[in-house]
Amino acid sequence: MSHTEIWIALAGMAVVTIVTRALFLMAGEHVTVPDRLQRALRYAPAAALAAIILPDLMTWHGHFTLAPSNYKLMAGICAAVFYLFTRRMVGMIAVGMAVYTALRLLA
């Protein structure tokens, strides 16, 4: 790709990002979302985050594995369990990082 094509791609991605995010702000209260759709979308961010995070947690050294030797997966499970019991996001991050660091250092 040439420099011009790269800049065109970057500008296009910026425009798409701005338009999709600003559309909701520009519409404001003129658009109402039905209650049924609001309930359905309540868990969409969590599902999207899981779709991004889970593939990384399930790979270890470039291979798919669910073994206890996968420290990222074990730390993710500990962090998720902590969050389910406490609903504290910062604590979840701290627990996940602490477990991951401990497993790496103790191995």
PDB file of N, CA and C in Angstrom:
ATOM      1  N   MET A   1       0.840  -1.183   0.000  1.00  0.00           N
ATOM      2  CA  MET A   1       0.000   0.000   0.000  1.00  0.00           C
ATOM      3  C   MET A   1       0.881   1.240   0.000  1.00  0.00           C
ATOM      4  N   SER A   2       0.432   2.218  -0.723  1.00  0.00           N
ATOM      5  CA  SER A   2       1.182   3.472  -0.750  1.00  0.00           C
ATOM      6  C   SER A   2       0.778   4.331   0.447  1.00  0.00           C
ATOM      7  N   HIS A   3       1.542   5.394   0.657  1.00  0.00           N
ATOM      8  CA  HIS A   3       1.229   6.295   1.771  1.00  0.00           C
ATOM      9  C   HIS A   3      -0.145   6.934   1.585  1.00  0.00           C
ATOM     10  N   THR A   4      -0.481   7.253   0.367  1.00  0.00           N
ATOM     11  CA  THR A   4      -1.786   7.868   0.094  1.00  0.00           C
ATOM     12  C   THR A   4      -2.919   6.911   0.430  1.00  0.00           C
ATOM     13  N   GLU A   5      -2.783   5.662   0.062  1.00  0.00           N
ATOM     14  CA  GLU A   5      -3.823   4.677   0.367  1.00  0.00           C
ATOM     15  C   GLU A   5      -3.972   4.474   1.863  1.00  0.00           C
ATOM     16  N   ILE A   6      -2.856   4.488   2.578  1.00  0.00           N
ATOM     17  CA  ILE A   6      -2.902   4.342   4.038  1.00  0.00           C
ATOM     18  C   ILE A   6      -3.638   5.515   4.658  1.00  0.00           C
ATOM     19  N   TRP A   7      -3.341   6.733   4.202  1.00  0.00           N
ATOM     20  CA  TRP A   7      -4.019   7.911   4.754  1.00  0.00           C
ATOM     21  C   TRP A   7      -5.505   7.914   4.403  1.00  0.00           C
ATOM     22  N   ILE A   8      -5.841   7.456   3.208  1.00  0.00           N
ATOM     23  CA  ILE A   8      -7.254   7.368   2.828  1.00  0.00           C
ATOM     24  C   ILE A   8      -7.970   6.347   3.714  1.00  0.00           C
ATOM     25  N   ALA A   9      -7.330   5.218   3.983  1.00  0.00           N
ATOM     26  CA  ALA A   9      -7.926   4.201   4.853  1.00  0.00           C
ATOM     27  C   ALA A   9      -8.101   4.737   6.269  1.00  0.00           C
ATOM     28  N   LEU A  10      -7.092   5.433   6.782  1.00  0.00           N
ATOM     29  CA  LEU A  10      -7.198   6.012   8.124  1.00  0.00           C
ATOM     30  C   LEU A  10      -8.312   7.048   8.200  1.00  0.00           C
ATOM     31  N   ALA A  11      -8.403   7.910   7.198  1.00  0.00           N
ATOM     32  CA  ALA A  11      -9.461   8.916   7.177  1.00  0.00           C
ATOM     33  C   ALA A  11     -10.830   8.255   7.094  1.00  0.00           C
ATOM     34  N   GLY A  12     -10.946   7.213   6.267  1.00  0.00           N
ATOM     35  CA  GLY A  12     -12.216   6.501   6.161  1.00  0.00           C
ATOM     36  C   GLY A  12     -12.629   5.855   7.470  1.00  0.00           C
ATOM     37  N   MET A  13     -11.669   5.240   8.165  1.00  0.00           N
ATOM     38  CA  MET A  13     -11.983   4.624   9.460  1.00  0.00           C
ATOM     39  C   MET A  13     -12.379   5.679  10.483  1.00  0.00           C
ATOM     40  N   ALA A  14     -11.718   6.836  10.442  1.00  0.00           N
ATOM     41  CA  ALA A  14     -12.066   7.910  11.368  1.00  0.00           C
ATOM     42  C   ALA A  14     -13.479   8.410  11.105  1.00  0.00           C
ATOM     43  N   VAL A  15     -13.837   8.583   9.848  1.00  0.00           N
ATOM     44  CA  VAL A  15     -15.174   9.057   9.503  1.00  0.00           C
ATOM     45  C   VAL A  15     -16.230   8.051   9.945  1.00  0.00           C
ATOM     46  N   VAL A  16     -15.989   6.781   9.675  1.00  0.00           N
ATOM     47  CA  VAL A  16     -16.952   5.750  10.072  1.00  0.00           C
ATOM     48  C   VAL A  16     -17.103   5.726  11.587  1.00  0.00           C
ATOM     49  N   THR A  17     -15.999   5.818  12.317  1.00  0.00           N
ATOM     50  CA  THR A  17     -16.059   5.811  13.785  1.00  0.00           C
ATOM     51  C   THR A  17     -16.822   7.020  14.303  1.00  0.00           C
ATOM     52  N   ILE A  18     -16.517   8.189  13.792  1.00  0.00           N
ATOM     53  CA  ILE A  18     -17.174   9.408  14.266  1.00  0.00           C
ATOM     54  C   ILE A  18     -18.662   9.380  13.949  1.00  0.00           C
ATOM     55  N   VAL A  19     -19.011   8.977  12.734  1.00  0.00           N
ATOM     56  CA  VAL A  19     -20.427   8.967  12.346  1.00  0.00           C
ATOM     57  C   VAL A  19     -21.213   7.967  13.182  1.00  0.00           C
ATOM     58  N   THR A  20     -20.677   6.765  13.386  1.00  0.00           N
ATOM     59  CA  THR A  20     -21.442   5.769  14.145  1.00  0.00           C
ATOM     60  C   THR A  20     -21.586   6.151  15.602  1.00  0.00           C
ATOM     61  N   ARG A  21     -20.611   6.819  16.159  1.00  0.00           N
ATOM     62  CA  ARG A  21     -20.729   7.226  17.561  1.00  0.00           C
ATOM     63  C   ARG A  21     -21.523   8.513  17.715  1.00  0.00           C
ATOM     64  N   ALA A  22     -21.357   9.441  16.789  1.00  0.00           N
ATOM     65  CA  ALA A  22     -22.044  10.722  16.891  1.00  0.00           C
ATOM     66  C   ALA A  22     -23.508  10.627  16.502  1.00  0.00           C
ATOM     67  N   LEU A  23     -23.879   9.616  15.751  1.00  0.00           N
ATOM     68  CA  LEU A  23     -25.255   9.477  15.311  1.00  0.00           C
ATOM     69  C   LEU A  23     -26.211   9.424  16.500  1.00  0.00           C
ATOM     70  N   PHE A  24     -25.823   8.696  17.535  1.00  0.00           N
ATOM     71  CA  PHE A  24     -26.674   8.594  18.722  1.00  0.00           C
ATOM     72  C   PHE A  24     -26.727   9.917  19.478  1.00  0.00           C
ATOM     73  N   LEU A  25     -25.631  10.652  19.481  1.00  0.00           N
ATOM     74  CA  LEU A  25     -25.601  11.940  20.169  1.00  0.00           C
ATOM     75  C   LEU A  25     -26.379  12.993  19.397  1.00  0.00           C
ATOM     76  N   MET A  26     -26.276  12.973  18.072  1.00  0.00           N
ATOM     77  CA  MET A  26     -26.982  13.957  17.255  1.00  0.00           C
ATOM     78  C   MET A  26     -28.483  13.721  17.278  1.00  0.00           C
ATOM     79  N   ALA A  27     -28.878  12.455  17.318  1.00  0.00           N
ATOM     80  CA  ALA A  27     -30.307  12.146  17.329  1.00  0.00           C
ATOM     81  C   ALA A  27     -30.934  12.544  18.655  1.00  0.00           C
ATOM     82  N   GLY A  28     -30.166  12.428  19.720  1.00  0.00           N
ATOM     83  CA  GLY A  28     -30.650  12.842  21.037  1.00  0.00           C
ATOM     84  C   GLY A  28     -31.908  12.128  21.454  1.00  0.00           C
ATOM     85  N   GLU A  29     -32.887  12.898  21.908  1.00  0.00           N
ATOM     86  CA  GLU A  29     -34.135  12.323  22.398  1.00  0.00           C
ATOM     87  C   GLU A  29     -35.185  12.190  21.305  1.00  0.00           C
ATOM     88  N   HIS A  30     -34.803  12.507  20.064  1.00  0.00           N
ATOM     89  CA  HIS A  30     -35.757  12.394  18.964  1.00  0.00           C
ATOM     90  C   HIS A  30     -36.045  10.938  18.626  1.00  0.00           C
ATOM     91  N   VAL A  31     -35.122  10.065  18.965  1.00  0.00           N
ATOM     92  CA  VAL A  31     -35.288   8.643  18.679  1.00  0.00           C
ATOM     93  C   VAL A  31     -35.474   7.914  19.999  1.00  0.00           C
ATOM     94  N   THR A  32     -36.546   7.177  20.111  1.00  0.00           N
ATOM     95  CA  THR A  32     -36.766   6.382  21.314  1.00  0.00           C
ATOM     96  C   THR A  32     -36.611   4.912  20.960  1.00  0.00           C
ATOM     97  N   VAL A  33     -35.990   4.198  21.857  1.00  0.00           N
ATOM     98  CA  VAL A  33     -35.784   2.766  21.666  1.00  0.00           C
ATOM     99  C   VAL A  33     -36.847   2.031  22.468  1.00  0.00           C
ATOM    100  N   PRO A  34     -37.569   1.110  21.855  1.00  0.00           N
ATOM    101  CA  PRO A  34     -38.609   0.378  22.587  1.00  0.00           C
ATOM    102  C   PRO A  34     -38.019  -0.388  23.777  1.00  0.00           C
ATOM    103  N   ASP A  35     -38.827  -0.579  24.808  1.00  0.00           N
ATOM    104  CA  ASP A  35     -38.372  -1.265  26.011  1.00  0.00           C
ATOM    105  C   ASP A  35     -37.856  -2.666  25.717  1.00  0.00           C
ATOM    106  N   ARG A  36     -38.520  -3.364  24.824  1.00  0.00           N
ATOM    107  CA  ARG A  36     -38.102  -4.732  24.494  1.00  0.00           C
ATOM    108  C   ARG A  36     -36.685  -4.741  23.908  1.00  0.00           C
ATOM    109  N   LEU A  37     -36.384  -3.776  23.048  1.00  0.00           N
ATOM    110  CA  LEU A  37     -35.056  -3.686  22.459  1.00  0.00           C
ATOM    111  C   LEU A  37     -34.027  -3.245  23.501  1.00  0.00           C
ATOM    112  N   GLN A  38     -34.415  -2.350  24.399  1.00  0.00           N
ATOM    113  CA  GLN A  38     -33.506  -1.928  25.472  1.00  0.00           C
ATOM    114  C   GLN A  38     -33.127  -3.114  26.350  1.00  0.00           C
ATOM    115  N   ARG A  39     -34.094  -3.962  26.680  1.00  0.00           N
ATOM    116  CA  ARG A  39     -33.797  -5.145  27.483  1.00  0.00           C
ATOM    117  C   ARG A  39     -32.874  -6.098  26.733  1.00  0.00           C
ATOM    118  N   ALA A  40     -33.089  -6.238  25.431  1.00  0.00           N
ATOM    119  CA  ALA A  40     -32.256  -7.137  24.632  1.00  0.00           C
ATOM    120  C   ALA A  40     -30.834  -6.606  24.514  1.00  0.00           C
ATOM    121  N   LEU A  41     -30.676  -5.300  24.444  1.00  0.00           N
ATOM    122  CA  LEU A  41     -29.350  -4.694  24.286  1.00  0.00           C
ATOM    123  C   LEU A  41     -28.607  -4.511  25.603  1.00  0.00           C
ATOM    124  N   ARG A  42     -29.259  -4.796  26.703  1.00  0.00           N
ATOM    125  CA  ARG A  42     -28.630  -4.606  28.006  1.00  0.00           C
ATOM    126  C   ARG A  42     -27.350  -5.436  28.143  1.00  0.00           C
ATOM    127  N   TYR A  43     -27.355  -6.640  27.589  1.00  0.00           N
ATOM    128  CA  TYR A  43     -26.207  -7.527  27.736  1.00  0.00           C
ATOM    129  C   TYR A  43     -25.302  -7.540  26.505  1.00  0.00           C
ATOM    130  N   ALA A  44     -25.612  -6.732  25.506  1.00  0.00           N
ATOM    131  CA  ALA A  44     -24.803  -6.700  24.289  1.00  0.00           C
ATOM    132  C   ALA A  44     -23.361  -6.264  24.551  1.00  0.00           C
ATOM    133  N   PRO A  45     -23.092  -5.254  25.381  1.00  0.00           N
ATOM    134  CA  PRO A  45     -21.683  -4.899  25.619  1.00  0.00           C
ATOM    135  C   PRO A  45     -20.899  -6.040  26.253  1.00  0.00           C
ATOM    136  N   ALA A  46     -21.508  -6.782  27.161  1.00  0.00           N
ATOM    137  CA  ALA A  46     -20.813  -7.901  27.794  1.00  0.00           C
ATOM    138  C   ALA A  46     -20.529  -8.997  26.772  1.00  0.00           C
ATOM    139  N   ALA A  47     -21.467  -9.242  25.886  1.00  0.00           N
ATOM    140  CA  ALA A  47     -21.260 -10.262  24.861  1.00  0.00           C
ATOM    141  C   ALA A  47     -20.166  -9.839  23.888  1.00  0.00           C
ATOM    142  N   ALA A  48     -20.143  -8.556  23.531  1.00  0.00           N
ATOM    143  CA  ALA A  48     -19.097  -8.063  22.632  1.00  0.00           C
ATOM    144  C   ALA A  48     -17.735  -8.150  23.292  1.00  0.00           C
ATOM    145  N   LEU A  49     -17.677  -7.790  24.569  1.00  0.00           N
ATOM    146  CA  LEU A  49     -16.408  -7.868  25.288  1.00  0.00           C
ATOM    147  C   LEU A  49     -15.939  -9.307  25.388  1.00  0.00           C
ATOM    148  N   ALA A  50     -16.860 -10.226  25.653  1.00  0.00           N
ATOM    149  CA  ALA A  50     -16.496 -11.640  25.721  1.00  0.00           C
ATOM    150  C   ALA A  50     -15.977 -12.135  24.370  1.00  0.00           C
ATOM    151  N   ALA A  51     -16.577 -11.664  23.290  1.00  0.00           N
ATOM    152  CA  ALA A  51     -16.131 -12.077  21.962  1.00  0.00           C
ATOM    153  C   ALA A  51     -14.724 -11.574  21.664  1.00  0.00           C
ATOM    154  N   ILE A  52     -14.333 -10.481  22.275  1.00  0.00           N
ATOM    155  CA  ILE A  52     -12.991  -9.943  22.071  1.00  0.00           C
ATOM    156  C   ILE A  52     -11.985 -10.600  23.004  1.00  0.00           C
ATOM    157  N   ILE A  53     -12.365 -10.807  24.256  1.00  0.00           N
ATOM    158  CA  ILE A  53     -11.439 -11.279  25.282  1.00  0.00           C
ATOM    159  C   ILE A  53     -11.245 -12.794  25.254  1.00  0.00           C
ATOM    160  N   LEU A  54     -12.301 -13.569  25.086  1.00  0.00           N
ATOM    161  CA  LEU A  54     -12.203 -15.024  25.196  1.00  0.00           C
ATOM    162  C   LEU A  54     -11.206 -15.674  24.233  1.00  0.00           C
ATOM    163  N   PRO A  55     -11.153 -15.271  22.973  1.00  0.00           N
ATOM    164  CA  PRO A  55     -10.145 -15.908  22.114  1.00  0.00           C
ATOM    165  C   PRO A  55      -8.720 -15.709  22.623  1.00  0.00           C
ATOM    166  N   ASP A  56      -8.446 -14.558  23.202  1.00  0.00           N
ATOM    167  CA  ASP A  56      -7.108 -14.319  23.744  1.00  0.00           C
ATOM    168  C   ASP A  56      -6.869 -15.161  24.996  1.00  0.00           C
ATOM    169  N   LEU A  57      -7.885 -15.309  25.831  1.00  0.00           N
ATOM    170  CA  LEU A  57      -7.722 -16.098  27.052  1.00  0.00           C
ATOM    171  C   LEU A  57      -7.548 -17.585  26.756  1.00  0.00           C
ATOM    172  N   MET A  58      -8.101 -18.046  25.652  1.00  0.00           N
ATOM    173  CA  MET A  58      -8.063 -19.481  25.357  1.00  0.00           C
ATOM    174  C   MET A  58      -6.867 -19.899  24.518  1.00  0.00           C
ATOM    175  N   THR A  59      -5.986 -18.963  24.226  1.00  0.00           N
ATOM    176  CA  THR A  59      -4.763 -19.323  23.511  1.00  0.00           C
ATOM    177  C   THR A  59      -3.570 -19.120  24.423  1.00  0.00           C
ATOM    178  N   TRP A  60      -2.650 -20.047  24.344  1.00  0.00           N
ATOM    179  CA  TRP A  60      -1.439 -19.987  25.153  1.00  0.00           C
ATOM    180  C   TRP A  60      -0.272 -20.389  24.274  1.00  0.00           C
ATOM    181  N   HIS A  61       0.666 -19.510  24.110  1.00  0.00           N
ATOM    182  CA  HIS A  61       1.822 -19.731  23.242  1.00  0.00           C
ATOM    183  C   HIS A  61       1.397 -20.064  21.818  1.00  0.00           C
ATOM    184  N   GLY A  62       0.333 -19.395  21.361  1.00  0.00           N
ATOM    185  CA  GLY A  62      -0.111 -19.557  19.991  1.00  0.00           C
ATOM    186  C   GLY A  62      -0.997 -20.751  19.719  1.00  0.00           C
ATOM    187  N   HIS A  63      -1.375 -21.493  20.749  1.00  0.00           N
ATOM    188  CA  HIS A  63      -2.212 -22.678  20.566  1.00  0.00           C
ATOM    189  C   HIS A  63      -3.447 -22.588  21.457  1.00  0.00           C
ATOM    190  N   PHE A  64      -4.561 -23.105  20.940  1.00  0.00           N
ATOM    191  CA  PHE A  64      -5.792 -23.166  21.717  1.00  0.00           C
ATOM    192  C   PHE A  64      -5.638 -24.198  22.816  1.00  0.00           C
ATOM    193  N   THR A  65      -5.889 -23.789  24.050  1.00  0.00           N
ATOM    194  CA  THR A  65      -5.812 -24.735  25.166  1.00  0.00           C
ATOM    195  C   THR A  65      -6.714 -24.295  26.308  1.00  0.00           C
ATOM    196  N   LEU A  66      -7.334 -25.276  26.928  1.00  0.00           N
ATOM    197  CA  LEU A  66      -8.152 -25.040  28.121  1.00  0.00           C
ATOM    198  C   LEU A  66      -7.500 -25.657  29.349  1.00  0.00           C
ATOM    199  N   ALA A  67      -6.227 -25.998  29.252  1.00  0.00           N
ATOM    200  CA  ALA A  67      -5.505 -26.669  30.331  1.00  0.00           C
ATOM    201  C   ALA A  67      -5.193 -25.694  31.469  1.00  0.00           C
ATOM    202  N   PRO A  68      -5.011 -26.224  32.677  1.00  0.00           N
ATOM    203  CA  PRO A  68      -4.619 -25.372  33.806  1.00  0.00           C
ATOM    204  C   PRO A  68      -3.271 -24.684  33.597  1.00  0.00           C
ATOM    205  N   SER A  69      -2.491 -25.137  32.646  1.00  0.00           N
ATOM    206  CA  SER A  69      -1.218 -24.477  32.366  1.00  0.00           C
ATOM    207  C   SER A  69      -1.405 -23.173  31.584  1.00  0.00           C
ATOM    208  N   ASN A  70      -2.625 -22.877  31.159  1.00  0.00           N
ATOM    209  CA  ASN A  70      -2.935 -21.615  30.485  1.00  0.00           C
ATOM    210  C   ASN A  70      -3.201 -20.563  31.559  1.00  0.00           C
ATOM    211  N   TYR A  71      -2.170 -19.808  31.911  1.00  0.00           N
ATOM    212  CA  TYR A  71      -2.271 -18.857  33.015  1.00  0.00           C
ATOM    213  C   TYR A  71      -3.251 -17.727  32.726  1.00  0.00           C
ATOM    214  N   LYS A  72      -3.351 -17.320  31.476  1.00  0.00           N
ATOM    215  CA  LYS A  72      -4.300 -16.250  31.136  1.00  0.00           C
ATOM    216  C   LYS A  72      -5.727 -16.702  31.403  1.00  0.00           C
ATOM    217  N   LEU A  73      -6.044 -17.928  31.028  1.00  0.00           N
ATOM    218  CA  LEU A  73      -7.396 -18.448  31.238  1.00  0.00           C
ATOM    219  C   LEU A  73      -7.700 -18.599  32.723  1.00  0.00           C
ATOM    220  N   MET A  74      -6.744 -19.113  33.480  1.00  0.00           N
ATOM    221  CA  MET A  74      -6.954 -19.280  34.925  1.00  0.00           C
ATOM    222  C   MET A  74      -7.162 -17.918  35.604  1.00  0.00           C
ATOM    223  N   ALA A  75      -6.370 -16.935  35.213  1.00  0.00           N
ATOM    224  CA  ALA A  75      -6.528 -15.589  35.781  1.00  0.00           C
ATOM    225  C   ALA A  75      -7.871 -14.988  35.375  1.00  0.00           C
ATOM    226  N   GLY A  76      -8.289 -15.219  34.137  1.00  0.00           N
ATOM    227  CA  GLY A  76      -9.587 -14.721  33.682  1.00  0.00           C
ATOM    228  C   GLY A  76     -10.744 -15.346  34.429  1.00  0.00           C
ATOM    229  N   ILE A  77     -10.637 -16.643  34.707  1.00  0.00           N
ATOM    230  CA  ILE A  77     -11.686 -17.324  35.471  1.00  0.00           C
ATOM    231  C   ILE A  77     -11.748 -16.772  36.893  1.00  0.00           C
ATOM    232  N   CYS A  78     -10.600 -16.594  37.531  1.00  0.00           N
ATOM    233  CA  CYS A  78     -10.564 -16.032  38.890  1.00  0.00           C
ATOM    234  C   CYS A  78     -11.146 -14.625  38.912  1.00  0.00           C
ATOM    235  N   ALA A  79     -10.793 -13.818  37.919  1.00  0.00           N
ATOM    236  CA  ALA A  79     -11.306 -12.453  37.855  1.00  0.00           C
ATOM    237  C   ALA A  79     -12.819 -12.450  37.647  1.00  0.00           C
ATOM    238  N   ALA A  80     -13.319 -13.330  36.786  1.00  0.00           N
ATOM    239  CA  ALA A  80     -14.759 -13.396  36.531  1.00  0.00           C
ATOM    240  C   ALA A  80     -15.525 -13.838  37.774  1.00  0.00           C
ATOM    241  N   VAL A  81     -14.986 -14.823  38.489  1.00  0.00           N
ATOM    242  CA  VAL A  81     -15.640 -15.287  39.720  1.00  0.00           C
ATOM    243  C   VAL A  81     -15.650 -14.166  40.759  1.00  0.00           C
ATOM    244  N   PHE A  82     -14.535 -13.453  40.901  1.00  0.00           N
ATOM    245  CA  PHE A  82     -14.479 -12.319  41.829  1.00  0.00           C
ATOM    246  C   PHE A  82     -15.541 -11.283  41.472  1.00  0.00           C
ATOM    247  N   TYR A  83     -15.658 -10.971  40.179  1.00  0.00           N
ATOM    248  CA  TYR A  83     -16.634  -9.970  39.757  1.00  0.00           C
ATOM    249  C   TYR A  83     -18.066 -10.436  39.999  1.00  0.00           C
ATOM    250  N   LEU A  84     -18.348 -11.718  39.771  1.00  0.00           N
ATOM    251  CA  LEU A  84     -19.700 -12.223  39.995  1.00  0.00           C
ATOM    252  C   LEU A  84     -20.124 -12.102  41.449  1.00  0.00           C
ATOM    253  N   PHE A  85     -19.165 -12.257  42.363  1.00  0.00           N
ATOM    254  CA  PHE A  85     -19.502 -12.171  43.785  1.00  0.00           C
ATOM    255  C   PHE A  85     -19.511 -10.744  44.317  1.00  0.00           C
ATOM    256  N   THR A  86     -18.667  -9.872  43.782  1.00  0.00           N
ATOM    257  CA  THR A  86     -18.531  -8.538  44.367  1.00  0.00           C
ATOM    258  C   THR A  86     -19.057  -7.405  43.498  1.00  0.00           C
ATOM    259  N   ARG A  87     -19.114  -7.603  42.180  1.00  0.00           N
ATOM    260  CA  ARG A  87     -19.507  -6.571  41.219  1.00  0.00           C
ATOM    261  C   ARG A  87     -18.580  -5.353  41.284  1.00  0.00           C
ATOM    262  N   ARG A  88     -17.322  -5.575  41.569  1.00  0.00           N
ATOM    263  CA  ARG A  88     -16.322  -4.499  41.623  1.00  0.00           C
ATOM    264  C   ARG A  88     -15.347  -4.653  40.467  1.00  0.00           C
ATOM    265  N   MET A  89     -15.404  -3.719  39.530  1.00  0.00           N
ATOM    266  CA  MET A  89     -14.610  -3.808  38.314  1.00  0.00           C
ATOM    267  C   MET A  89     -13.118  -3.653  38.593  1.00  0.00           C
ATOM    268  N   VAL A  90     -12.735  -2.682  39.406  1.00  0.00           N
ATOM    269  CA  VAL A  90     -11.319  -2.464  39.692  1.00  0.00           C
ATOM    270  C   VAL A  90     -10.739  -3.661  40.441  1.00  0.00           C
ATOM    271  N   GLY A  91     -11.508  -4.214  41.358  1.00  0.00           N
ATOM    272  CA  GLY A  91     -11.068  -5.406  42.073  1.00  0.00           C
ATOM    273  C   GLY A  91     -10.891  -6.587  41.141  1.00  0.00           C
ATOM    274  N   MET A  92     -11.774  -6.696  40.166  1.00  0.00           N
ATOM    275  CA  MET A  92     -11.667  -7.774  39.188  1.00  0.00           C
ATOM    276  C   MET A  92     -10.363  -7.665  38.410  1.00  0.00           C
ATOM    277  N   ILE A  93     -10.031  -6.458  37.986  1.00  0.00           N
ATOM    278  CA  ILE A  93      -8.781  -6.254  37.248  1.00  0.00           C
ATOM    279  C   ILE A  93      -7.592  -6.594  38.141  1.00  0.00           C
ATOM    280  N   ALA A  94      -7.637  -6.143  39.386  1.00  0.00           N
ATOM    281  CA  ALA A  94      -6.535  -6.410  40.316  1.00  0.00           C
ATOM    282  C   ALA A  94      -6.376  -7.909  40.574  1.00  0.00           C
ATOM    283  N   VAL A  95      -7.480  -8.603  40.784  1.00  0.00           N
ATOM    284  CA  VAL A  95      -7.425 -10.045  41.036  1.00  0.00           C
ATOM    285  C   VAL A  95      -6.889 -10.776  39.810  1.00  0.00           C
ATOM    286  N   GLY A  96      -7.385 -10.433  38.644  1.00  0.00           N
ATOM    287  CA  GLY A  96      -6.915 -11.077  37.425  1.00  0.00           C
ATOM    288  C   GLY A  96      -5.421 -10.881  37.207  1.00  0.00           C
ATOM    289  N   MET A  97      -4.956  -9.665  37.390  1.00  0.00           N
ATOM    290  CA  MET A  97      -3.531  -9.392  37.201  1.00  0.00           C
ATOM    291  C   MET A  97      -2.691 -10.055  38.295  1.00  0.00           C
ATOM    292  N   ALA A  98      -3.185 -10.064  39.524  1.00  0.00           N
ATOM    293  CA  ALA A  98      -2.441 -10.700  40.619  1.00  0.00           C
ATOM    294  C   ALA A  98      -2.316 -12.207  40.390  1.00  0.00           C
ATOM    295  N   VAL A  99      -3.404 -12.850  39.995  1.00  0.00           N
ATOM    296  CA  VAL A  99      -3.360 -14.291  39.744  1.00  0.00           C
ATOM    297  C   VAL A  99      -2.447 -14.596  38.565  1.00  0.00           C
ATOM    298  N   TYR A 100      -2.562 -13.825  37.494  1.00  0.00           N
ATOM    299  CA  TYR A 100      -1.715 -14.046  36.323  1.00  0.00           C
ATOM    300  C   TYR A 100      -0.235 -13.864  36.675  1.00  0.00           C
ATOM    301  N   THR A 101       0.080 -12.810  37.415  1.00  0.00           N
ATOM    302  CA  THR A 101       1.472 -12.560  37.804  1.00  0.00           C
ATOM    303  C   THR A 101       1.988 -13.654  38.720  1.00  0.00           C
ATOM    304  N   ALA A 102       1.171 -14.067  39.678  1.00  0.00           N
ATOM    305  CA  ALA A 102       1.584 -15.122  40.604  1.00  0.00           C
ATOM    306  C   ALA A 102       1.833 -16.439  39.868  1.00  0.00           C
ATOM    307  N   LEU A 103       0.950 -16.808  38.971  1.00  0.00           N
ATOM    308  CA  LEU A 103       1.132 -18.044  38.216  1.00  0.00           C
ATOM    309  C   LEU A 103       2.393 -18.006  37.361  1.00  0.00           C
ATOM    310  N   ARG A 104       2.652 -16.864  36.748  1.00  0.00           N
ATOM    311  CA  ARG A 104       3.864 -16.745  35.923  1.00  0.00           C
ATOM    312  C   ARG A 104       5.121 -16.788  36.761  1.00  0.00           C
ATOM    313  N   LEU A 105       5.102 -16.136  37.922  1.00  0.00           N
ATOM    314  CA  LEU A 105       6.305 -16.112  38.763  1.00  0.00           C
ATOM    315  C   LEU A 105       6.558 -17.439  39.462  1.00  0.00           C
ATOM    316  N   LEU A 106       5.496 -18.156  39.807  1.00  0.00           N
ATOM    317  CA  LEU A 106       5.650 -19.413  40.532  1.00  0.00           C
ATOM    318  C   LEU A 106       5.906 -20.611  39.616  1.00  0.00           C
ATOM    319  N   ALA A 107       5.715 -20.423  38.327  1.00  0.00           N
ATOM    320  CA  ALA A 107       5.911 -21.545  37.391  1.00  0.00           C
ATOM    321  C   ALA A 107       7.376 -21.816  37.146  1.00  0.00           C
TER     322      ALA A 107
END
